[in-house]
Protein backbone atom coordinates (compact mmCIF):
# COMPACT_ATOMS: atom_id res chain seq x y z
CA MET A 1 51.86 70.55 -2.74
CA ARG A 2 55.34 69.98 -4.14
CA THR A 3 55.86 67.14 -1.64
CA ARG A 4 52.53 65.54 -2.60
CA TRP A 5 53.32 65.87 -6.31
CA THR A 6 56.78 64.37 -5.80
CA LEU A 7 55.29 61.49 -3.81
CA ALA A 8 52.62 60.87 -6.46
CA LEU A 9 55.24 60.87 -9.21
CA ALA A 10 57.37 58.41 -7.26
CA LEU A 11 54.40 56.09 -6.73
CA ALA A 12 53.47 56.24 -10.41
CA LEU A 13 57.03 55.45 -11.42
CA ALA A 14 57.19 52.54 -8.97
CA LEU A 15 53.91 51.17 -10.32
CA THR A 16 55.16 51.43 -13.91
CA LEU A 17 58.35 49.56 -13.01
CA LEU A 18 56.37 46.90 -11.18
CA LEU A 19 54.04 46.32 -14.11
CA SER A 20 56.87 46.20 -16.61
CA GLY A 21 58.67 43.73 -14.42
CA CYS A 22 55.64 41.42 -14.49
CA THR A 23 55.57 41.30 -18.28
CA GLY A 24 57.37 38.25 -19.63
CA GLY A 25 56.99 39.05 -23.32
CA GLY A 26 58.99 41.29 -25.60
CA ASN A 27 60.13 44.69 -24.44
CA THR A 28 61.37 47.91 -25.99
CA SER A 29 64.75 49.37 -25.06
CA ALA A 30 65.49 53.04 -24.47
CA HIS A 31 66.83 53.14 -28.05
CA GLY A 32 63.55 51.85 -29.47
CA ARG A 33 64.78 48.32 -30.16
CA ILE A 34 62.23 45.58 -29.55
CA THR A 35 63.28 42.25 -28.03
CA LEU A 36 61.11 39.19 -28.67
CA ARG A 37 61.46 35.95 -26.74
CA PHE A 38 61.16 32.82 -28.91
CA GLN A 39 60.76 29.59 -26.95
CA SER A 40 61.79 26.62 -29.07
CA LEU A 41 61.27 22.95 -28.24
CA ALA A 42 63.88 21.75 -30.72
CA TRP A 43 65.96 19.05 -29.07
CA GLN A 44 67.87 17.13 -31.74
CA ASP A 45 71.27 18.66 -32.44
CA GLU A 46 70.48 19.34 -36.10
CA SER A 47 67.17 20.94 -35.20
CA VAL A 48 68.61 23.15 -32.45
CA THR A 49 71.35 24.25 -34.83
CA ALA A 50 68.84 25.11 -37.59
CA ASN A 51 66.67 27.15 -35.21
CA LYS A 52 69.59 29.06 -33.70
CA GLU A 53 71.08 29.79 -37.13
CA LEU A 54 67.77 31.24 -38.34
CA VAL A 55 67.47 33.40 -35.22
CA LYS A 56 71.01 34.63 -35.86
CA GLU A 57 70.20 35.42 -39.49
CA TRP A 58 67.10 37.37 -38.45
CA ASN A 59 69.02 39.39 -35.87
CA ALA A 60 71.74 40.21 -38.41
CA THR A 61 69.19 41.83 -40.74
CA HIS A 62 66.76 43.36 -38.19
CA SER A 63 68.64 45.72 -35.92
CA ASP A 64 65.39 47.16 -34.53
CA ILE A 65 63.80 43.79 -33.61
CA LYS A 66 66.01 41.38 -31.73
CA VAL A 67 64.89 37.78 -31.15
CA GLU A 68 66.12 36.00 -28.05
CA TYR A 69 66.27 32.19 -28.31
CA VAL A 70 64.85 30.38 -25.26
CA GLN A 71 65.21 26.62 -24.93
CA GLY A 72 62.10 24.74 -23.80
CA SER A 73 61.32 21.04 -23.35
CA TRP A 74 58.59 18.82 -24.77
CA ASP A 75 58.45 16.92 -21.49
CA SER A 76 57.16 19.86 -19.46
CA VAL A 77 55.88 22.38 -22.00
CA HIS A 78 52.17 22.32 -21.10
CA ASP A 79 52.63 22.96 -17.38
CA GLN A 80 55.46 25.41 -18.01
CA LEU A 81 53.37 27.44 -20.44
CA LEU A 82 50.34 27.43 -18.17
CA THR A 83 52.45 28.76 -15.32
CA SER A 84 54.03 31.43 -17.52
CA PHE A 85 50.66 32.53 -18.92
CA GLU A 86 49.12 32.89 -15.49
CA GLY A 87 52.21 34.67 -14.19
CA GLY A 88 52.40 37.11 -17.10
CA GLU A 89 55.79 35.77 -18.17
CA ALA A 90 54.97 33.91 -21.37
CA PRO A 91 57.41 34.13 -24.30
CA ASP A 92 56.21 36.14 -27.28
CA ILE A 93 56.63 33.30 -29.79
CA ILE A 94 55.66 29.83 -28.63
CA HIS A 95 56.69 26.51 -30.15
CA ASP A 96 54.25 23.70 -29.29
CA ALA A 97 52.08 21.01 -30.89
CA SER A 98 48.54 21.55 -32.16
CA ASP A 99 47.01 18.98 -29.80
CA ASP A 100 48.27 21.03 -26.84
CA LEU A 101 46.70 24.32 -27.94
CA ALA A 102 42.98 23.86 -27.25
CA ASP A 103 42.95 24.82 -23.58
CA PHE A 104 45.32 27.75 -24.19
CA ALA A 105 43.24 28.98 -27.13
CA TYR A 106 39.91 28.73 -25.35
CA GLY A 107 41.49 30.18 -22.22
CA GLY A 108 42.44 33.40 -24.02
CA TYR A 109 46.19 32.93 -23.65
CA LEU A 110 47.01 32.84 -27.37
CA ALA A 111 46.55 35.51 -30.04
CA ASP A 112 44.25 34.93 -33.00
CA LEU A 113 46.63 34.93 -35.96
CA ARG A 114 44.19 35.45 -38.82
CA ASP A 115 44.93 39.15 -39.29
CA LEU A 116 48.62 38.96 -38.38
CA LEU A 117 50.04 36.55 -40.95
CA PRO A 118 50.96 37.36 -44.56
CA ALA A 119 48.78 36.02 -47.37
CA ARG A 120 51.74 34.09 -48.76
CA LEU A 121 52.03 31.94 -45.65
CA LYS A 122 48.28 31.47 -45.24
CA SER A 123 47.81 30.24 -48.81
CA ASP A 124 50.91 28.01 -48.86
CA ILE A 125 49.77 25.83 -45.96
CA PRO A 126 46.78 23.59 -46.84
CA GLN A 127 43.48 24.13 -45.06
CA ARG A 128 43.61 20.65 -43.53
CA SER A 129 46.75 21.74 -41.66
CA TRP A 130 45.20 25.05 -40.57
CA ASP A 131 42.27 23.05 -39.21
CA THR A 132 44.61 21.50 -36.62
CA ALA A 133 45.18 24.93 -35.04
CA THR A 134 41.66 26.33 -35.47
CA PHE A 135 39.54 26.56 -32.33
CA GLY A 136 36.15 28.17 -32.51
CA ASN A 137 36.45 31.02 -35.01
CA GLY A 138 40.17 31.71 -34.49
CA VAL A 139 43.52 30.35 -35.61
CA TYR A 140 45.95 30.09 -32.72
CA GLY A 141 49.05 28.50 -34.20
CA VAL A 142 50.89 28.11 -37.49
CA PRO A 143 51.27 24.37 -38.23
CA PHE A 144 54.69 23.95 -39.81
CA LEU A 145 56.14 20.47 -39.19
CA GLN A 146 54.37 17.10 -39.18
CA GLU A 147 55.23 13.43 -39.36
CA PRO A 148 53.32 10.38 -40.53
CA ARG A 149 53.49 7.11 -38.65
CA VAL A 150 55.35 4.59 -40.78
CA ILE A 151 56.70 1.07 -40.48
CA VAL A 152 60.46 0.75 -40.18
CA ALA A 153 61.47 -2.69 -41.44
CA ASN A 154 64.51 -4.96 -41.49
CA ALA A 155 64.91 -5.02 -45.27
CA THR A 156 67.07 -8.16 -45.28
CA TRP A 157 64.53 -10.09 -43.22
CA LEU A 158 61.64 -9.12 -45.52
CA LYS A 159 63.58 -10.06 -48.66
CA LYS A 160 64.45 -13.49 -47.29
CA ALA A 161 60.81 -14.09 -46.40
CA HIS A 162 59.73 -13.15 -49.96
CA VAL A 163 56.86 -10.97 -48.73
CA ARG A 164 55.35 -8.29 -50.90
CA ILE A 165 56.97 -4.94 -50.14
CA PRO A 166 54.29 -2.24 -49.84
CA THR A 167 54.56 1.23 -51.38
CA PRO A 168 52.44 4.36 -50.92
CA GLU A 169 50.78 3.46 -54.23
CA HIS A 170 50.17 -0.19 -53.22
CA PRO A 171 50.18 -0.44 -49.42
CA TRP A 172 49.33 -3.44 -47.30
CA THR A 173 45.81 -3.77 -45.93
CA TRP A 174 45.43 -4.37 -42.19
CA PRO A 175 44.53 -8.07 -42.71
CA GLU A 176 47.53 -8.45 -45.03
CA PHE A 177 49.79 -6.79 -42.45
CA ARG A 178 48.60 -9.23 -39.79
CA ASP A 179 49.18 -12.20 -42.09
CA ILE A 180 52.71 -11.04 -42.96
CA THR A 181 53.69 -10.54 -39.31
CA ARG A 182 52.59 -14.15 -38.70
CA ARG A 183 54.80 -15.37 -41.53
CA LEU A 184 57.78 -13.45 -40.17
CA SER A 185 57.47 -14.84 -36.62
CA GLY A 186 58.81 -17.90 -34.86
CA ASN A 187 61.77 -19.26 -32.93
CA GLY A 188 61.66 -16.44 -30.41
CA LYS A 189 61.42 -13.73 -33.07
CA TYR A 190 58.49 -11.48 -33.86
CA GLY A 191 57.14 -9.96 -37.03
CA VAL A 192 56.39 -6.66 -35.29
CA ALA A 193 57.11 -4.75 -32.10
CA TRP A 194 54.44 -2.22 -31.14
CA PRO A 195 55.89 0.47 -28.81
CA LEU A 196 52.66 1.53 -27.10
CA LYS A 197 53.71 3.23 -23.91
CA GLU A 198 51.38 6.02 -25.13
CA PRO A 199 48.75 3.91 -26.94
CA VAL A 200 45.95 6.42 -27.49
CA SER A 201 47.45 8.77 -30.06
CA ALA A 202 48.89 5.96 -32.18
CA THR A 203 45.65 3.98 -32.12
CA LEU A 204 43.35 6.89 -32.92
CA ASN A 205 45.52 8.38 -35.65
CA LEU A 206 46.06 5.07 -37.46
CA SER A 207 42.36 4.18 -37.10
CA LEU A 208 41.37 7.00 -39.45
CA ALA A 209 42.55 4.86 -42.37
CA ALA A 210 40.04 2.19 -41.38
CA GLY A 211 37.20 4.70 -41.10
CA GLY A 212 37.47 5.22 -37.37
CA GLU A 213 36.41 8.55 -35.89
CA MET A 214 35.91 7.89 -32.14
CA PHE A 215 34.70 11.45 -31.44
CA HIS A 216 31.39 12.55 -32.94
CA ARG A 217 30.13 16.12 -32.76
CA GLY A 218 26.36 16.59 -32.72
CA ARG A 219 24.29 19.47 -34.06
CA ASP A 220 24.44 21.08 -30.65
CA GLY A 221 28.24 21.14 -30.89
CA LYS A 222 28.71 18.58 -28.13
CA VAL A 223 31.10 15.66 -28.62
CA THR A 224 30.43 12.04 -27.70
CA VAL A 225 32.61 8.92 -27.89
CA ARG A 226 31.54 5.99 -30.09
CA PHE A 227 33.76 2.96 -30.58
CA ASP A 228 32.37 1.77 -33.91
CA GLN A 229 33.53 -0.89 -36.39
CA GLY A 230 36.07 1.40 -38.05
CA ASP A 231 37.57 2.28 -34.66
CA GLN A 232 38.03 -1.40 -33.84
CA VAL A 233 40.15 -2.48 -36.83
CA VAL A 234 43.53 -1.24 -35.56
CA PRO A 235 43.08 -2.19 -31.87
CA ARG A 236 41.83 -5.65 -32.84
CA THR A 237 44.80 -6.17 -35.17
CA ILE A 238 47.32 -5.23 -32.47
CA HIS A 239 45.52 -7.35 -29.86
CA ASP A 240 45.38 -10.39 -32.14
CA GLN A 241 49.03 -10.06 -33.13
CA ALA A 242 50.09 -9.96 -29.48
CA ASP A 243 47.63 -12.38 -27.87
CA ILE A 244 46.48 -14.81 -30.56
CA ASP A 245 49.14 -14.99 -33.31
CA HIS A 246 52.07 -14.21 -31.01
CA SER A 247 53.54 -12.27 -33.92
CA ALA A 248 53.91 -9.08 -31.86
CA SER A 249 56.30 -8.88 -28.94
CA PRO A 250 54.29 -8.63 -25.69
CA THR A 251 57.19 -6.99 -23.84
CA THR A 252 57.29 -3.86 -26.03
CA LEU A 253 53.62 -2.91 -25.54
CA GLY A 254 54.62 -0.74 -22.59
CA SER A 255 57.76 0.64 -24.23
CA GLY A 256 58.61 3.88 -26.00
CA GLY A 257 59.84 3.92 -29.59
CA SER A 258 63.51 4.32 -28.70
CA ASP A 259 63.31 1.33 -26.34
CA THR A 260 62.55 -1.02 -29.23
CA LEU A 261 65.54 -0.09 -31.39
CA PRO A 262 68.17 -2.35 -29.72
CA GLY A 263 65.94 -5.40 -30.28
CA PHE A 264 65.28 -4.29 -33.84
CA PHE A 265 69.00 -3.98 -34.57
CA GLY A 266 69.59 -7.31 -32.82
CA GLY A 267 67.20 -9.17 -35.12
CA LYS A 268 64.42 -9.78 -32.60
CA TYR A 269 61.71 -7.85 -34.49
CA ALA A 270 61.21 -7.55 -38.24
CA MET A 271 59.24 -4.30 -38.11
CA ILE A 272 58.40 -1.41 -35.78
CA PRO A 273 55.62 1.17 -36.35
CA LEU A 274 57.22 4.53 -35.52
CA GLY A 275 57.02 8.22 -36.26
CA PHE A 276 58.89 9.27 -39.40
CA SER A 277 61.46 11.26 -37.40
CA TYR A 278 62.83 8.11 -35.72
CA ARG A 279 64.91 7.60 -38.83
CA GLN A 280 67.50 9.95 -37.35
CA GLN A 281 68.03 7.69 -34.35
CA ILE A 282 68.22 4.66 -36.63
CA VAL A 283 70.88 6.32 -38.80
CA GLN A 284 72.88 7.21 -35.69
CA GLN A 285 72.52 3.90 -33.85
CA ALA A 286 72.18 1.12 -36.43
CA PRO A 287 75.10 -1.31 -36.67
CA LYS A 288 77.29 -1.02 -39.75
CA GLY A 289 75.71 -2.84 -42.66
CA PHE A 290 72.23 -3.02 -41.12
CA ASP A 291 69.76 -2.72 -44.02
CA TRP A 292 66.48 -1.00 -43.12
CA GLN A 293 63.69 0.68 -45.01
CA VAL A 294 60.57 2.77 -44.44
CA LEU A 295 57.17 1.35 -45.40
CA PRO A 296 53.78 3.11 -45.34
CA ALA A 297 51.37 2.15 -42.58
CA PRO A 298 48.61 -0.24 -43.70
CA ALA A 299 45.62 1.15 -45.57
CA GLY A 300 41.96 0.69 -44.77
CA ALA A 301 38.57 1.78 -46.04
CA ASP A 302 39.81 5.39 -46.22
CA GLY A 303 43.14 4.55 -47.83
CA LEU A 304 46.27 5.85 -46.13
CA THR A 305 44.48 8.63 -44.23
CA GLN A 306 46.18 9.29 -40.94
CA GLY A 307 45.79 11.78 -38.13
CA VAL A 308 48.60 14.14 -37.16
CA SER A 309 49.17 16.91 -34.63
CA PRO A 310 51.67 19.25 -36.31
CA GLN A 311 54.23 21.31 -34.48
CA THR A 312 53.04 24.91 -34.27
CA LEU A 313 54.21 28.46 -33.68
CA SER A 314 51.90 30.72 -31.68
CA ILE A 315 51.95 34.25 -30.27
CA ALA A 316 51.07 35.01 -26.66
CA GLN A 317 47.97 37.16 -26.27
CA ASP A 318 49.82 39.30 -23.71
CA SER A 319 52.73 40.03 -26.06
CA PRO A 320 52.96 43.79 -26.67
CA HIS A 321 54.60 43.15 -30.06
CA LYS A 322 52.29 40.75 -31.90
CA LYS A 323 52.94 42.33 -35.31
CA GLU A 324 56.71 41.97 -34.96
CA ALA A 325 56.34 38.42 -33.63
CA ALA A 326 54.25 37.52 -36.70
CA GLU A 327 56.96 39.00 -38.93
CA PHE A 328 59.53 36.72 -37.33
CA ILE A 329 57.28 33.68 -37.78
CA ALA A 330 56.81 34.60 -41.46
CA PHE A 331 60.61 34.79 -41.82
CA LEU A 332 61.16 31.51 -39.99
CA LEU A 333 58.61 29.77 -42.23
CA GLN A 334 59.75 30.97 -45.62
CA PRO A 335 59.85 27.88 -47.87
CA LYS A 336 63.66 27.52 -47.81
CA ASN A 337 63.75 28.02 -44.05
CA MET A 338 60.92 25.58 -43.45
CA VAL A 339 62.90 22.98 -45.39
CA ARG A 340 65.87 23.59 -43.12
CA LEU A 341 63.69 23.10 -40.05
CA ALA A 342 62.16 19.94 -41.53
CA LEU A 343 65.55 18.43 -42.34
CA GLY A 344 66.80 19.30 -38.87
CA ASP A 345 63.85 17.51 -37.24
CA TRP A 346 63.65 14.70 -39.85
CA MET A 347 60.00 15.60 -40.38
CA LEU A 348 57.83 16.96 -43.19
CA PRO A 349 56.97 20.64 -43.71
CA THR A 350 53.29 21.46 -44.03
CA ALA A 351 53.70 24.12 -46.71
CA THR A 352 53.21 23.18 -50.36
CA GLN A 353 56.28 25.01 -51.68
CA ALA A 354 58.59 23.58 -49.05
CA LEU A 355 57.36 20.05 -49.76
CA LYS A 356 58.56 20.44 -53.36
CA SER A 357 62.19 20.70 -52.25
CA PRO A 358 64.37 18.02 -53.91
CA ALA A 359 65.99 17.39 -50.52
CA LEU A 360 62.70 15.87 -49.34
CA HIS A 361 62.29 13.57 -52.33
CA THR A 362 65.51 11.59 -52.16
CA THR A 363 65.63 7.83 -51.69
CA LYS A 364 68.40 8.25 -49.12
CA ASN A 365 66.94 7.48 -45.69
CA ASP A 366 63.60 7.05 -47.47
CA TRP A 367 62.65 10.73 -47.45
CA SER A 368 60.57 10.15 -50.58
CA THR A 369 58.39 7.52 -48.89
CA GLY A 370 57.37 9.92 -46.14
CA THR A 371 56.84 12.83 -48.52
CA ALA A 372 54.50 10.69 -50.61
CA LEU A 373 52.21 10.40 -47.57
CA ALA A 374 51.87 14.14 -46.97
CA ASP A 375 48.53 14.51 -48.77
CA ASP A 376 47.00 11.80 -46.56
CA LEU A 377 47.71 13.60 -43.28
CA VAL A 378 44.65 15.16 -41.63
CA PRO A 379 43.89 16.60 -38.18
CA ALA A 380 44.09 14.09 -35.35
CA PRO A 381 40.61 12.97 -34.18
CA ALA A 382 40.89 14.60 -30.75
CA GLN A 383 42.26 17.90 -32.02
CA SER A 384 39.48 20.18 -30.78
CA VAL A 385 37.85 18.00 -28.13
CA ARG A 386 37.61 19.70 -24.75
CA GLY A 387 38.45 17.24 -22.00
CA TYR A 388 40.50 14.98 -24.27
CA PRO A 389 43.62 15.04 -22.04
CA GLU A 390 41.60 13.74 -19.07
CA TRP A 391 39.78 11.18 -21.22
CA LYS A 392 43.12 9.98 -22.56
CA ASP A 393 44.89 9.78 -19.20
CA LYS A 394 42.10 8.46 -16.98
CA VAL A 395 40.05 6.34 -19.37
CA ALA A 396 41.58 5.50 -22.74
CA THR A 397 45.22 4.84 -21.82
CA PRO A 398 44.55 2.23 -19.11
CA ALA A 399 41.72 0.69 -21.14
CA PHE A 400 43.84 0.23 -24.28
CA GLN A 401 46.79 -1.05 -22.25
CA GLU A 402 44.62 -3.69 -20.59
CA TYR A 403 43.05 -4.71 -23.90
CA TYR A 404 46.38 -5.04 -25.67
CA SER A 405 47.75 -7.13 -22.82
CA GLY A 406 44.73 -9.45 -22.97
CA ALA A 407 43.33 -8.43 -19.59
CA ILE A 408 39.95 -7.26 -20.97
CA THR A 409 37.84 -8.10 -24.01
CA LEU A 410 36.94 -5.87 -26.95
CA THR A 411 33.43 -5.50 -25.51
CA GLU A 412 34.84 -4.33 -22.18
CA LEU A 413 37.15 -1.92 -23.98
CA ARG A 414 34.21 -0.43 -25.83
CA GLN A 415 32.16 -0.05 -22.63
CA ARG A 416 34.95 1.77 -20.85
CA LEU A 417 35.82 4.08 -23.73
CA GLU A 418 32.18 5.04 -24.28
CA LYS A 419 30.54 4.93 -20.85
CA ASP A 420 33.40 6.24 -18.74
CA GLY A 421 34.69 8.45 -21.55
CA ASN A 422 31.39 10.25 -22.13
CA LEU A 423 31.08 10.98 -18.42
CA VAL A 424 34.45 12.76 -18.58
CA LEU A 425 33.62 14.75 -21.73
CA ALA A 426 30.20 15.75 -20.38
CA ARG A 427 31.82 17.74 -17.57
CA TYR A 428 33.59 19.95 -20.13
CA GLN A 429 30.45 20.56 -22.21
CA ARG A 430 27.88 21.71 -19.66
């Protein structure tokens, strides 16, 4: 009996050790101290520094809950998280973007945060931002940083051309923008360079200003693709600039944002539509004396409305310390700390109190221009669409690339987005 009992105890202990070894989230030490793993995707030096400093400050004041900083990468985060979820090794606190959360939320990998977060944080972030991380009846991420798409312009070039300089109060319309890029072009120079290596997100998010929706949810909850008049304004403008007016550089249509900066600094393009955070690269790389400025994107039937997919903080469903993880998120996203994170990433905080910070309303590096657009940022059109990644990769990306290059017509673009696109979405909605 003693031998059997000893063997049973040994097996139970071995099983306990095995199970604990398979758990990738936070753990509790023999002294009762909890360790939480926080995977951050910060990559710019200022942003990494801000995140690590805040982790250090937390650890200095919370001896019973230690946070371990884990460096992740935007380039591989989706596949890396999927592997870690399925292997039971996910970090407790997960940094990601709201447009990457749908499959994880519906798959049961993320914790519903509604009962974990303090009222202060929930009320400080506008509902339109919470909507970006809401899937079904749950909230699966805290949206905390976002960036509008803006136009970065060669200020000297625009002044010499005597064009009207737009402001958030009096922006250009899309027809006016097209006309101005024509006036700025000629002699081997272009009024605009569109970096559209990833054309879908930019096109859909900017199209909201023109009344575009693309995805339409019926009473049965199912989503279909419709490429209506409002959806066509932005694609048609880009196509006509590149293929009819020759006011947009054809060589940058397959480029990333950073790839266009050398030509911008060299005087080849007057303007580049970019994310607001690209200002950091411009400050670091621009030649001495280069005069640049940030302009709002053109307005349409719905004003300056624009889609965004904010950066988010989530908690793994398998984390044994969800309450403590939520406490760390609440600390990280206190208004003063959110401002530090925003400044480090050169982006805008989502929270109302943080947006009031004087540091975000300065004219230096045109912070005030971006902050003035905050109220116009709404959830990206594809935010909660199941099957969107496949639709984007297999249908929309090649279709938009061919249209912008002049290989297909607007009618053909519409047929492919709708016919082929709805076949893809239908498989996810059976």
